[in-house]
Amino acid sequence: MDWTSLYFKTSNLNVFILGTGEVASRRANKFLDHGANVRLAGNNLSDDLKDKGAVLYSVDDIDEVVGWSDLVVIASGDEKLSEYVSGIARDKLVNRADFPQKGDIIVPTSFEIGDIEISIFTNGKSPLMARQLRKKIQSIITEEDILEIELQDYARLELKKVVKNQKERRQVLYEIFEDEQIEEFVENRQMDDAKNYIDNLIRGLY
């Protein structure tokens, strides 16, 4: 498989999207929600995208807006125009919604629960199954899982203040994760009590 899963920072990333249809709008919303600057070229732009800061350009200005961009997303049904944009964007990162394997980046189906984001990629074999797998995964993640992440983050930051060895920190984090008293606090949504308990546990160890 040629693809490697990565997350990269999109705040203030300049994104040009060729197209304004359903797929293009979905891509635009995703990037706008993650802090990118988004410009599109197509027939029209929804009020929702305009409100988020997206800007509509004419296809006559494509060369200019491609030059401005860091990432080019091709999501147009115009095959000739798509190939043209792909050709002039050779020094840019390119996402091809029409032919994913021709691009440098694939935008997988993803969803967020609290601070968790989960992405699913089937190597382009079945977007439909990617959506079905997303539903299955969403159904098994609980509120307790989200609270456990909050506590693990808290414990990890506190441990970094007193434990320099990463392996030792990891061992303590496992102990905290498996602690029955903390599980009880999480079940009862007693997060302040859980954090106080973690503080005392860390002080007792070090």
N, C-alpha and C. Protein backbone atom coordinates (compact mmCIF):
# COMPACT_ATOMS: atom_id res chain seq x y z
N MET A 1 0.85 -1.20 0.00
CA MET A 1 0.00 0.00 0.00
C MET A 1 0.88 1.24 0.00
N ASP A 2 0.56 2.21 -0.85
CA ASP A 2 1.41 3.40 -1.02
C ASP A 2 1.11 4.50 -0.02
N TRP A 3 0.03 4.38 0.75
CA TRP A 3 -0.44 5.48 1.57
C TRP A 3 -0.08 5.27 3.05
N THR A 4 0.24 6.38 3.72
CA THR A 4 0.54 6.36 5.15
C THR A 4 -0.40 7.33 5.85
N SER A 5 -1.05 6.89 6.92
CA SER A 5 -1.97 7.77 7.64
C SER A 5 -1.19 8.79 8.46
N LEU A 6 -1.56 10.06 8.30
CA LEU A 6 -0.91 11.17 9.00
C LEU A 6 -1.96 12.22 9.34
N TYR A 7 -1.67 13.02 10.37
CA TYR A 7 -2.46 14.22 10.61
C TYR A 7 -1.53 15.41 10.45
N PHE A 8 -1.97 16.42 9.73
CA PHE A 8 -1.14 17.61 9.61
C PHE A 8 -1.96 18.84 9.95
N LYS A 9 -1.25 19.84 10.44
CA LYS A 9 -1.91 21.05 10.94
C LYS A 9 -2.49 21.85 9.78
N THR A 10 -3.78 22.21 9.90
CA THR A 10 -4.44 22.92 8.81
C THR A 10 -4.81 24.36 9.17
N SER A 11 -4.51 24.80 10.37
CA SER A 11 -4.83 26.18 10.71
C SER A 11 -3.99 27.11 9.84
N ASN A 12 -4.67 28.05 9.18
CA ASN A 12 -4.07 29.01 8.25
C ASN A 12 -3.50 28.37 6.98
N LEU A 13 -3.83 27.10 6.72
CA LEU A 13 -3.45 26.47 5.46
C LEU A 13 -4.30 27.07 4.34
N ASN A 14 -3.69 27.38 3.22
CA ASN A 14 -4.41 27.92 2.07
C ASN A 14 -4.88 26.77 1.18
N VAL A 15 -6.19 26.60 1.10
CA VAL A 15 -6.77 25.47 0.37
C VAL A 15 -7.62 25.98 -0.79
N PHE A 16 -7.30 25.53 -1.98
CA PHE A 16 -8.13 25.83 -3.15
C PHE A 16 -8.90 24.57 -3.53
N ILE A 17 -10.20 24.72 -3.75
CA ILE A 17 -11.05 23.60 -4.13
C ILE A 17 -11.68 23.89 -5.48
N LEU A 18 -11.41 23.03 -6.44
CA LEU A 18 -12.04 23.14 -7.75
C LEU A 18 -13.38 22.42 -7.68
N GLY A 19 -14.46 23.20 -7.80
CA GLY A 19 -15.80 22.63 -7.70
C GLY A 19 -16.56 23.23 -6.53
N THR A 20 -17.88 23.21 -6.66
CA THR A 20 -18.74 23.72 -5.58
C THR A 20 -19.92 22.79 -5.32
N GLY A 21 -19.81 21.57 -5.82
CA GLY A 21 -20.88 20.59 -5.61
C GLY A 21 -20.84 19.96 -4.23
N GLU A 22 -21.51 18.83 -4.10
CA GLU A 22 -21.65 18.19 -2.79
C GLU A 22 -20.30 17.78 -2.19
N VAL A 23 -19.48 17.12 -2.98
CA VAL A 23 -18.17 16.66 -2.48
C VAL A 23 -17.28 17.86 -2.17
N ALA A 24 -17.24 18.83 -3.08
CA ALA A 24 -16.42 20.03 -2.86
C ALA A 24 -16.85 20.77 -1.61
N SER A 25 -18.16 20.91 -1.41
CA SER A 25 -18.67 21.60 -0.22
C SER A 25 -18.32 20.85 1.05
N ARG A 26 -18.38 19.53 0.99
CA ARG A 26 -18.03 18.73 2.16
C ARG A 26 -16.54 18.92 2.51
N ARG A 27 -15.69 18.91 1.49
CA ARG A 27 -14.27 19.15 1.72
C ARG A 27 -14.05 20.56 2.29
N ALA A 28 -14.76 21.54 1.72
CA ALA A 28 -14.60 22.92 2.18
C ALA A 28 -14.99 23.05 3.65
N ASN A 29 -16.11 22.47 4.02
CA ASN A 29 -16.55 22.53 5.41
C ASN A 29 -15.51 21.91 6.34
N LYS A 30 -14.95 20.80 5.95
CA LYS A 30 -13.96 20.11 6.79
C LYS A 30 -12.75 20.99 7.04
N PHE A 31 -12.23 21.58 5.96
CA PHE A 31 -11.04 22.41 6.11
C PHE A 31 -11.34 23.71 6.85
N LEU A 32 -12.49 24.31 6.58
CA LEU A 32 -12.86 25.54 7.28
C LEU A 32 -13.03 25.27 8.77
N ASP A 33 -13.64 24.15 9.12
CA ASP A 33 -13.85 23.81 10.53
C ASP A 33 -12.54 23.56 11.26
N HIS A 34 -11.47 23.31 10.50
CA HIS A 34 -10.16 23.07 11.10
C HIS A 34 -9.20 24.23 10.85
N GLY A 35 -9.75 25.41 10.58
CA GLY A 35 -8.94 26.63 10.59
C GLY A 35 -8.27 27.02 9.29
N ALA A 36 -8.57 26.35 8.19
CA ALA A 36 -7.92 26.67 6.92
C ALA A 36 -8.57 27.87 6.24
N ASN A 37 -7.83 28.48 5.34
CA ASN A 37 -8.36 29.52 4.45
C ASN A 37 -8.79 28.83 3.16
N VAL A 38 -10.05 28.97 2.78
CA VAL A 38 -10.58 28.18 1.67
C VAL A 38 -11.13 29.07 0.56
N ARG A 39 -10.69 28.79 -0.66
CA ARG A 39 -11.23 29.43 -1.85
C ARG A 39 -11.70 28.34 -2.81
N LEU A 40 -12.82 28.58 -3.46
CA LEU A 40 -13.39 27.60 -4.38
C LEU A 40 -13.62 28.25 -5.74
N ALA A 41 -13.65 27.42 -6.76
CA ALA A 41 -14.01 27.88 -8.10
C ALA A 41 -15.13 26.98 -8.62
N GLY A 42 -16.23 27.62 -9.02
CA GLY A 42 -17.37 26.85 -9.49
C GLY A 42 -18.55 27.76 -9.77
N ASN A 43 -19.72 27.17 -9.75
CA ASN A 43 -20.92 27.92 -10.13
C ASN A 43 -21.46 28.81 -9.03
N ASN A 44 -21.54 28.27 -7.82
CA ASN A 44 -22.11 29.06 -6.73
C ASN A 44 -21.59 28.54 -5.41
N LEU A 45 -21.84 29.34 -4.37
CA LEU A 45 -21.34 29.01 -3.03
C LEU A 45 -22.49 29.13 -2.04
N SER A 46 -22.63 28.15 -1.18
CA SER A 46 -23.72 28.18 -0.20
C SER A 46 -23.49 29.28 0.82
N ASP A 47 -24.57 29.76 1.40
CA ASP A 47 -24.48 30.80 2.43
C ASP A 47 -23.69 30.30 3.64
N ASP A 48 -23.82 29.01 3.94
CA ASP A 48 -23.11 28.43 5.07
C ASP A 48 -21.60 28.54 4.88
N LEU A 49 -21.12 28.23 3.68
CA LEU A 49 -19.70 28.33 3.41
C LEU A 49 -19.23 29.78 3.41
N LYS A 50 -20.06 30.67 2.88
CA LYS A 50 -19.72 32.09 2.90
C LYS A 50 -19.58 32.60 4.33
N ASP A 51 -20.52 32.18 5.19
CA ASP A 51 -20.49 32.60 6.58
C ASP A 51 -19.23 32.12 7.30
N LYS A 52 -18.72 30.99 6.86
CA LYS A 52 -17.51 30.45 7.49
C LYS A 52 -16.23 31.08 6.93
N GLY A 53 -16.37 31.90 5.89
CA GLY A 53 -15.21 32.60 5.35
C GLY A 53 -14.72 32.12 4.00
N ALA A 54 -15.41 31.16 3.39
CA ALA A 54 -15.00 30.68 2.07
C ALA A 54 -15.24 31.76 1.02
N VAL A 55 -14.40 31.77 -0.01
CA VAL A 55 -14.48 32.77 -1.08
C VAL A 55 -14.62 32.06 -2.42
N LEU A 56 -15.54 32.56 -3.24
CA LEU A 56 -15.77 31.98 -4.56
C LEU A 56 -14.98 32.74 -5.62
N TYR A 57 -14.28 31.98 -6.46
CA TYR A 57 -13.51 32.56 -7.56
C TYR A 57 -14.06 32.07 -8.89
N SER A 58 -13.78 32.83 -9.92
CA SER A 58 -14.14 32.43 -11.28
C SER A 58 -13.11 31.43 -11.79
N VAL A 59 -13.54 30.55 -12.69
CA VAL A 59 -12.59 29.60 -13.28
C VAL A 59 -11.52 30.34 -14.08
N ASP A 60 -11.79 31.58 -14.45
CA ASP A 60 -10.79 32.37 -15.19
C ASP A 60 -9.60 32.73 -14.30
N ASP A 61 -9.78 32.64 -12.98
CA ASP A 61 -8.73 33.02 -12.03
C ASP A 61 -8.02 31.80 -11.43
N ILE A 62 -8.20 30.64 -12.05
CA ILE A 62 -7.66 29.41 -11.48
C ILE A 62 -6.14 29.45 -11.32
N ASP A 63 -5.43 29.94 -12.31
CA ASP A 63 -3.96 29.98 -12.21
C ASP A 63 -3.52 30.78 -11.00
N GLU A 64 -4.18 31.91 -10.78
CA GLU A 64 -3.83 32.78 -9.65
C GLU A 64 -4.09 32.08 -8.32
N VAL A 65 -5.26 31.46 -8.19
CA VAL A 65 -5.63 30.88 -6.90
C VAL A 65 -4.86 29.59 -6.62
N VAL A 66 -4.47 28.86 -7.67
CA VAL A 66 -3.61 27.70 -7.48
C VAL A 66 -2.24 28.15 -6.97
N GLY A 67 -1.73 29.25 -7.50
CA GLY A 67 -0.47 29.79 -7.03
C GLY A 67 -0.52 30.20 -5.57
N TRP A 68 -1.67 30.67 -5.12
CA TRP A 68 -1.86 31.09 -3.72
C TRP A 68 -1.92 29.91 -2.76
N SER A 69 -2.34 28.77 -3.24
CA SER A 69 -2.69 27.65 -2.36
C SER A 69 -1.49 26.83 -1.89
N ASP A 70 -1.70 26.18 -0.74
CA ASP A 70 -0.77 25.16 -0.25
C ASP A 70 -1.27 23.77 -0.65
N LEU A 71 -2.59 23.63 -0.67
CA LEU A 71 -3.23 22.36 -1.00
C LEU A 71 -4.32 22.60 -2.04
N VAL A 72 -4.34 21.78 -3.06
CA VAL A 72 -5.35 21.87 -4.12
C VAL A 72 -6.25 20.64 -4.03
N VAL A 73 -7.55 20.88 -3.96
CA VAL A 73 -8.54 19.80 -3.94
C VAL A 73 -9.31 19.84 -5.25
N ILE A 74 -9.31 18.73 -5.98
CA ILE A 74 -10.02 18.67 -7.25
C ILE A 74 -11.29 17.86 -7.04
N ALA A 75 -12.43 18.54 -7.10
CA ALA A 75 -13.72 17.89 -6.86
C ALA A 75 -14.74 18.42 -7.87
N SER A 76 -14.38 18.32 -9.13
CA SER A 76 -15.22 18.84 -10.20
C SER A 76 -15.56 17.72 -11.18
N GLY A 77 -16.74 17.83 -11.79
CA GLY A 77 -17.13 16.86 -12.81
C GLY A 77 -16.58 17.18 -14.18
N ASP A 78 -15.90 18.31 -14.28
CA ASP A 78 -15.31 18.73 -15.56
C ASP A 78 -13.94 18.06 -15.69
N GLU A 79 -13.88 16.97 -16.43
CA GLU A 79 -12.64 16.19 -16.51
C GLU A 79 -11.48 16.99 -17.12
N LYS A 80 -11.77 17.74 -18.18
CA LYS A 80 -10.72 18.51 -18.84
C LYS A 80 -10.15 19.57 -17.90
N LEU A 81 -11.03 20.29 -17.19
CA LEU A 81 -10.58 21.32 -16.26
C LEU A 81 -9.82 20.69 -15.09
N SER A 82 -10.29 19.54 -14.64
CA SER A 82 -9.62 18.85 -13.53
C SER A 82 -8.19 18.48 -13.90
N GLU A 83 -8.01 17.97 -15.11
CA GLU A 83 -6.67 17.59 -15.54
C GLU A 83 -5.78 18.82 -15.70
N TYR A 84 -6.38 19.92 -16.14
CA TYR A 84 -5.60 21.16 -16.28
C TYR A 84 -5.10 21.62 -14.91
N VAL A 85 -6.00 21.65 -13.94
CA VAL A 85 -5.61 22.10 -12.59
C VAL A 85 -4.57 21.16 -12.00
N SER A 86 -4.75 19.87 -12.20
CA SER A 86 -3.78 18.90 -11.71
C SER A 86 -2.40 19.16 -12.31
N GLY A 87 -2.39 19.53 -13.58
CA GLY A 87 -1.12 19.79 -14.27
C GLY A 87 -0.40 21.01 -13.75
N ILE A 88 -1.13 22.11 -13.44
CA ILE A 88 -0.47 23.33 -12.98
C ILE A 88 -0.21 23.32 -11.47
N ALA A 89 -0.68 22.27 -10.79
CA ALA A 89 -0.49 22.18 -9.34
C ALA A 89 0.58 21.16 -8.97
N ARG A 90 1.52 20.93 -9.85
CA ARG A 90 2.50 19.87 -9.63
C ARG A 90 3.39 20.13 -8.41
N ASP A 91 3.60 21.40 -8.06
CA ASP A 91 4.44 21.69 -6.90
C ASP A 91 3.62 21.86 -5.64
N LYS A 92 2.33 21.51 -5.69
CA LYS A 92 1.43 21.61 -4.54
C LYS A 92 1.01 20.22 -4.06
N LEU A 93 0.51 20.18 -2.84
CA LEU A 93 -0.16 18.96 -2.40
C LEU A 93 -1.52 18.92 -3.09
N VAL A 94 -1.89 17.76 -3.62
CA VAL A 94 -3.13 17.64 -4.38
C VAL A 94 -3.98 16.51 -3.84
N ASN A 95 -5.26 16.81 -3.64
CA ASN A 95 -6.26 15.80 -3.30
C ASN A 95 -7.20 15.66 -4.49
N ARG A 96 -7.28 14.47 -5.06
CA ARG A 96 -8.18 14.23 -6.19
C ARG A 96 -9.39 13.46 -5.69
N ALA A 97 -10.51 14.15 -5.57
CA ALA A 97 -11.75 13.48 -5.17
C ALA A 97 -12.26 12.59 -6.28
N ASP A 98 -11.91 12.94 -7.54
CA ASP A 98 -12.39 12.15 -8.67
C ASP A 98 -11.55 10.88 -8.88
N PHE A 99 -10.22 11.01 -8.81
CA PHE A 99 -9.31 9.88 -8.94
C PHE A 99 -8.29 9.94 -7.80
N PRO A 100 -8.65 9.45 -6.60
CA PRO A 100 -7.80 9.60 -5.42
C PRO A 100 -6.36 9.13 -5.62
N GLN A 101 -6.17 8.05 -6.36
CA GLN A 101 -4.83 7.51 -6.51
C GLN A 101 -3.90 8.44 -7.30
N LYS A 102 -4.46 9.40 -8.03
CA LYS A 102 -3.64 10.35 -8.78
C LYS A 102 -3.12 11.50 -7.92
N GLY A 103 -3.65 11.64 -6.72
CA GLY A 103 -3.25 12.76 -5.86
C GLY A 103 -2.17 12.37 -4.87
N ASP A 104 -1.83 13.34 -4.01
CA ASP A 104 -0.83 13.13 -2.97
C ASP A 104 -1.48 12.88 -1.61
N ILE A 105 -2.71 13.36 -1.45
CA ILE A 105 -3.41 13.28 -0.18
C ILE A 105 -4.81 12.72 -0.40
N ILE A 106 -5.22 11.86 0.50
CA ILE A 106 -6.60 11.37 0.49
C ILE A 106 -7.28 11.87 1.76
N VAL A 107 -8.48 12.38 1.63
CA VAL A 107 -9.25 12.84 2.78
C VAL A 107 -10.20 11.70 3.16
N PRO A 108 -9.90 10.97 4.24
CA PRO A 108 -10.71 9.81 4.58
C PRO A 108 -12.01 10.20 5.26
N THR A 109 -12.95 9.27 5.32
CA THR A 109 -14.14 9.51 6.12
C THR A 109 -13.72 9.55 7.59
N SER A 110 -14.25 10.48 8.34
CA SER A 110 -13.84 10.64 9.73
C SER A 110 -15.00 11.17 10.56
N PHE A 111 -14.85 11.05 11.86
CA PHE A 111 -15.85 11.60 12.76
C PHE A 111 -15.18 11.97 14.08
N GLU A 112 -15.83 12.85 14.80
CA GLU A 112 -15.29 13.33 16.08
C GLU A 112 -16.26 13.03 17.20
N ILE A 113 -15.70 12.61 18.33
CA ILE A 113 -16.46 12.46 19.57
C ILE A 113 -15.62 13.12 20.65
N GLY A 114 -16.07 14.27 21.13
CA GLY A 114 -15.24 15.02 22.07
C GLY A 114 -13.95 15.43 21.40
N ASP A 115 -12.82 15.12 22.05
CA ASP A 115 -11.51 15.45 21.50
C ASP A 115 -10.95 14.34 20.62
N ILE A 116 -11.73 13.29 20.41
CA ILE A 116 -11.26 12.17 19.59
C ILE A 116 -11.69 12.38 18.14
N GLU A 117 -10.76 12.17 17.23
CA GLU A 117 -11.12 12.10 15.82
C GLU A 117 -10.65 10.76 15.28
N ILE A 118 -11.53 10.03 14.64
CA ILE A 118 -11.22 8.72 14.09
C ILE A 118 -11.44 8.76 12.59
N SER A 119 -10.42 8.34 11.85
CA SER A 119 -10.50 8.30 10.39
C SER A 119 -10.42 6.86 9.91
N ILE A 120 -11.13 6.58 8.82
CA ILE A 120 -11.16 5.24 8.26
C ILE A 120 -10.82 5.31 6.78
N PHE A 121 -9.88 4.47 6.37
CA PHE A 121 -9.41 4.49 4.99
C PHE A 121 -9.39 3.06 4.47
N THR A 122 -10.06 2.80 3.37
CA THR A 122 -10.10 1.45 2.79
C THR A 122 -9.21 1.34 1.56
N ASN A 123 -8.24 2.25 1.45
CA ASN A 123 -7.34 2.27 0.29
C ASN A 123 -8.11 2.48 -1.02
N GLY A 124 -9.22 3.22 -0.90
CA GLY A 124 -10.02 3.54 -2.08
C GLY A 124 -10.89 2.41 -2.57
N LYS A 125 -10.91 1.29 -1.85
CA LYS A 125 -11.66 0.13 -2.33
C LYS A 125 -13.17 0.26 -2.12
N SER A 126 -13.58 0.90 -1.01
CA SER A 126 -15.03 0.97 -0.75
C SER A 126 -15.37 2.12 0.19
N PRO A 127 -15.64 3.31 -0.34
CA PRO A 127 -16.11 4.41 0.51
C PRO A 127 -17.37 4.05 1.27
N LEU A 128 -18.24 3.22 0.66
CA LEU A 128 -19.47 2.81 1.34
C LEU A 128 -19.15 2.03 2.60
N MET A 129 -18.20 1.08 2.54
CA MET A 129 -17.84 0.30 3.71
C MET A 129 -17.12 1.15 4.75
N ALA A 130 -16.40 2.16 4.30
CA ALA A 130 -15.76 3.07 5.26
C ALA A 130 -16.83 3.76 6.10
N ARG A 131 -17.93 4.16 5.47
CA ARG A 131 -19.02 4.80 6.22
C ARG A 131 -19.70 3.81 7.15
N GLN A 132 -19.85 2.56 6.71
CA GLN A 132 -20.48 1.55 7.56
C GLN A 132 -19.60 1.23 8.77
N LEU A 133 -18.30 1.14 8.55
CA LEU A 133 -17.38 0.89 9.66
C LEU A 133 -17.38 2.06 10.64
N ARG A 134 -17.51 3.27 10.10
CA ARG A 134 -17.59 4.44 10.97
C ARG A 134 -18.78 4.34 11.91
N LYS A 135 -19.92 3.92 11.40
CA LYS A 135 -21.12 3.78 12.24
C LYS A 135 -20.91 2.74 13.33
N LYS A 136 -20.25 1.63 12.99
CA LYS A 136 -20.00 0.58 13.98
C LYS A 136 -19.09 1.08 15.09
N ILE A 137 -18.04 1.79 14.73
CA ILE A 137 -17.10 2.29 15.72
C ILE A 137 -17.76 3.34 16.61
N GLN A 138 -18.55 4.22 15.98
CA GLN A 138 -19.25 5.24 16.77
C GLN A 138 -20.17 4.62 17.82
N SER A 139 -20.76 3.49 17.48
CA SER A 139 -21.73 2.87 18.38
C SER A 139 -21.11 2.25 19.62
N ILE A 140 -19.80 1.97 19.59
CA ILE A 140 -19.18 1.31 20.75
C ILE A 140 -18.37 2.26 21.63
N ILE A 141 -18.16 3.48 21.19
CA ILE A 141 -17.42 4.46 22.02
C ILE A 141 -18.39 5.10 23.00
N THR A 142 -18.06 5.05 24.28
CA THR A 142 -18.95 5.54 25.32
C THR A 142 -18.47 6.87 25.90
N GLU A 143 -19.34 7.51 26.68
CA GLU A 143 -18.95 8.74 27.37
C GLU A 143 -17.82 8.46 28.35
N GLU A 144 -17.84 7.26 28.95
CA GLU A 144 -16.76 6.90 29.88
C GLU A 144 -15.41 6.87 29.18
N ASP A 145 -15.39 6.43 27.93
CA ASP A 145 -14.13 6.42 27.17
C ASP A 145 -13.58 7.84 27.03
N ILE A 146 -14.46 8.79 26.75
CA ILE A 146 -14.05 10.18 26.59
C ILE A 146 -13.51 10.73 27.90
N LEU A 147 -14.18 10.40 29.01
CA LEU A 147 -13.73 10.87 30.32
C LEU A 147 -12.39 10.24 30.70
N GLU A 148 -12.19 8.99 30.32
CA GLU A 148 -10.91 8.32 30.58
C GLU A 148 -9.78 9.02 29.83
N ILE A 149 -10.06 9.48 28.63
CA ILE A 149 -9.04 10.22 27.87
C ILE A 149 -8.68 11.50 28.60
N GLU A 150 -9.70 12.20 29.12
CA GLU A 150 -9.45 13.43 29.87
C GLU A 150 -8.55 13.16 31.07
N LEU A 151 -8.82 12.07 31.78
CA LEU A 151 -8.02 11.75 32.96
C LEU A 151 -6.61 11.31 32.59
N GLN A 152 -6.48 10.55 31.51
CA GLN A 152 -5.16 10.14 31.07
C GLN A 152 -4.31 11.34 30.66
N ASP A 153 -4.94 12.30 30.01
CA ASP A 153 -4.23 13.52 29.63
C ASP A 153 -3.79 14.28 30.87
N TYR A 154 -4.69 14.38 31.84
CA TYR A 154 -4.36 15.07 33.09
C TYR A 154 -3.20 14.37 33.79
N ALA A 155 -3.30 13.05 33.92
CA ALA A 155 -2.26 12.29 34.62
C ALA A 155 -0.92 12.38 33.90
N ARG A 156 -0.96 12.31 32.57
CA ARG A 156 0.28 12.37 31.79
C ARG A 156 1.01 13.70 31.99
N LEU A 157 0.25 14.80 32.00
CA LEU A 157 0.86 16.11 32.19
C LEU A 157 1.42 16.26 33.59
N GLU A 158 0.71 15.73 34.60
CA GLU A 158 1.20 15.80 35.98
C GLU A 158 2.45 14.94 36.16
N LEU A 159 2.47 13.78 35.53
CA LEU A 159 3.63 12.89 35.64
C LEU A 159 4.87 13.50 34.99
N LYS A 160 4.68 14.22 33.90
CA LYS A 160 5.82 14.85 33.24
C LYS A 160 6.56 15.82 34.14
N LYS A 161 5.86 16.35 35.14
CA LYS A 161 6.49 17.30 36.06
C LYS A 161 7.46 16.62 37.01
N VAL A 162 7.25 15.32 37.25
CA VAL A 162 8.05 14.64 38.28
C VAL A 162 8.78 13.40 37.78
N VAL A 163 8.38 12.87 36.63
CA VAL A 163 9.00 11.64 36.12
C VAL A 163 9.56 11.91 34.72
N LYS A 164 10.87 11.82 34.58
CA LYS A 164 11.50 12.11 33.30
C LYS A 164 11.50 10.90 32.36
N ASN A 165 11.48 9.71 32.93
CA ASN A 165 11.56 8.50 32.13
C ASN A 165 10.20 8.15 31.52
N GLN A 166 10.16 8.07 30.20
CA GLN A 166 8.89 7.85 29.51
C GLN A 166 8.31 6.47 29.82
N LYS A 167 9.16 5.47 29.95
CA LYS A 167 8.68 4.12 30.25
C LYS A 167 8.04 4.06 31.64
N GLU A 168 8.63 4.78 32.59
CA GLU A 168 8.05 4.81 33.94
C GLU A 168 6.70 5.52 33.92
N ARG A 169 6.60 6.60 33.16
CA ARG A 169 5.33 7.30 33.05
C ARG A 169 4.26 6.40 32.45
N ARG A 170 4.64 5.67 31.41
CA ARG A 170 3.69 4.77 30.76
C ARG A 170 3.17 3.71 31.72
N GLN A 171 4.07 3.17 32.56
CA GLN A 171 3.66 2.15 33.52
C GLN A 171 2.65 2.71 34.52
N VAL A 172 2.91 3.93 35.00
CA VAL A 172 1.97 4.55 35.94
C VAL A 172 0.63 4.83 35.27
N LEU A 173 0.67 5.25 34.03
CA LEU A 173 -0.58 5.52 33.30
C LEU A 173 -1.42 4.26 33.15
N TYR A 174 -0.75 3.13 32.91
CA TYR A 174 -1.48 1.85 32.87
C TYR A 174 -2.12 1.54 34.22
N GLU A 175 -1.38 1.80 35.30
CA GLU A 175 -1.91 1.54 36.63
C GLU A 175 -3.13 2.42 36.92
N ILE A 176 -3.05 3.67 36.50
CA ILE A 176 -4.18 4.58 36.68
C ILE A 176 -5.38 4.12 35.87
N PHE A 177 -5.12 3.69 34.64
CA PHE A 177 -6.21 3.22 33.78
C PHE A 177 -6.93 2.02 34.37
N GLU A 178 -6.18 1.14 35.05
CA GLU A 178 -6.76 -0.09 35.59
C GLU A 178 -7.24 0.06 37.03
N ASP A 179 -7.08 1.23 37.61
CA ASP A 179 -7.46 1.44 39.02
C ASP A 179 -8.99 1.42 39.17
N GLU A 180 -9.49 0.55 40.03
CA GLU A 180 -10.94 0.39 40.19
C GLU A 180 -11.59 1.62 40.81
N GLN A 181 -10.87 2.32 41.68
CA GLN A 181 -11.44 3.53 42.29
C GLN A 181 -11.66 4.61 41.24
N ILE A 182 -10.71 4.74 40.33
CA ILE A 182 -10.87 5.72 39.25
C ILE A 182 -12.01 5.33 38.34
N GLU A 183 -12.16 4.04 38.07
CA GLU A 183 -13.29 3.59 37.26
C GLU A 183 -14.61 3.98 37.91
N GLU A 184 -14.66 3.88 39.24
CA GLU A 184 -15.89 4.25 39.95
C GLU A 184 -16.15 5.74 39.85
N PHE A 185 -15.08 6.53 39.97
CA PHE A 185 -15.24 7.99 39.83
C PHE A 185 -15.78 8.33 38.44
N VAL A 186 -15.24 7.67 37.42
CA VAL A 186 -15.66 7.94 36.04
C VAL A 186 -17.13 7.55 35.85
N GLU A 187 -17.50 6.41 36.36
CA GLU A 187 -18.89 5.95 36.23
C GLU A 187 -19.86 6.92 36.88
N ASN A 188 -19.43 7.56 37.97
CA ASN A 188 -20.28 8.50 38.69
C ASN A 188 -20.07 9.95 38.27
N ARG A 189 -19.23 10.13 37.22
CA ARG A 189 -18.93 11.47 36.68
C ARG A 189 -18.31 12.39 37.73
N GLN A 190 -17.51 11.84 38.63
CA GLN A 190 -16.84 12.61 39.68
C GLN A 190 -15.41 12.91 39.24
N MET A 191 -15.28 13.79 38.26
CA MET A 191 -13.99 14.04 37.64
C MET A 191 -13.03 14.77 38.57
N ASP A 192 -13.51 15.72 39.37
CA ASP A 192 -12.63 16.42 40.31
C ASP A 192 -12.08 15.44 41.35
N ASP A 193 -12.94 14.54 41.82
CA ASP A 193 -12.47 13.54 42.78
C ASP A 193 -11.44 12.62 42.14
N ALA A 194 -11.67 12.27 40.89
CA ALA A 194 -10.73 11.40 40.19
C ALA A 194 -9.37 12.09 40.04
N LYS A 195 -9.36 13.37 39.73
CA LYS A 195 -8.09 14.10 39.57
C LYS A 195 -7.38 14.24 40.91
N ASN A 196 -8.12 14.49 41.97
CA ASN A 196 -7.50 14.55 43.30
C ASN A 196 -6.90 13.21 43.68
N TYR A 197 -7.59 12.16 43.33
CA TYR A 197 -7.11 10.80 43.60
C TYR A 197 -5.81 10.54 42.83
N ILE A 198 -5.77 10.98 41.58
CA ILE A 198 -4.56 10.82 40.77
C ILE A 198 -3.41 11.61 41.37
N ASP A 199 -3.68 12.84 41.82
CA ASP A 199 -2.64 13.66 42.45
C ASP A 199 -2.04 12.93 43.65
N ASN A 200 -2.91 12.39 44.50
CA ASN A 200 -2.43 11.68 45.69
C ASN A 200 -1.66 10.42 45.32
N LEU A 201 -2.12 9.74 44.25
CA LEU A 201 -1.45 8.53 43.80
C LEU A 201 -0.03 8.86 43.31
N ILE A 202 0.11 9.93 42.55
CA ILE A 202 1.41 10.32 42.04
C ILE A 202 2.34 10.74 43.18
N ARG A 203 1.81 11.51 44.14
CA ARG A 203 2.62 11.94 45.29
C ARG A 203 3.08 10.71 46.09
N GLY A 204 2.22 9.70 46.22
CA GLY A 204 2.58 8.50 46.96
C GLY A 204 3.67 7.68 46.27
N LEU A 205 3.71 7.75 44.95
CA LEU A 205 4.70 6.98 44.21
C LEU A 205 6.05 7.67 44.17
N TYR A 206 6.02 9.02 44.16
CA TYR A 206 7.27 9.77 44.00
C TYR A 206 7.42 10.80 45.11
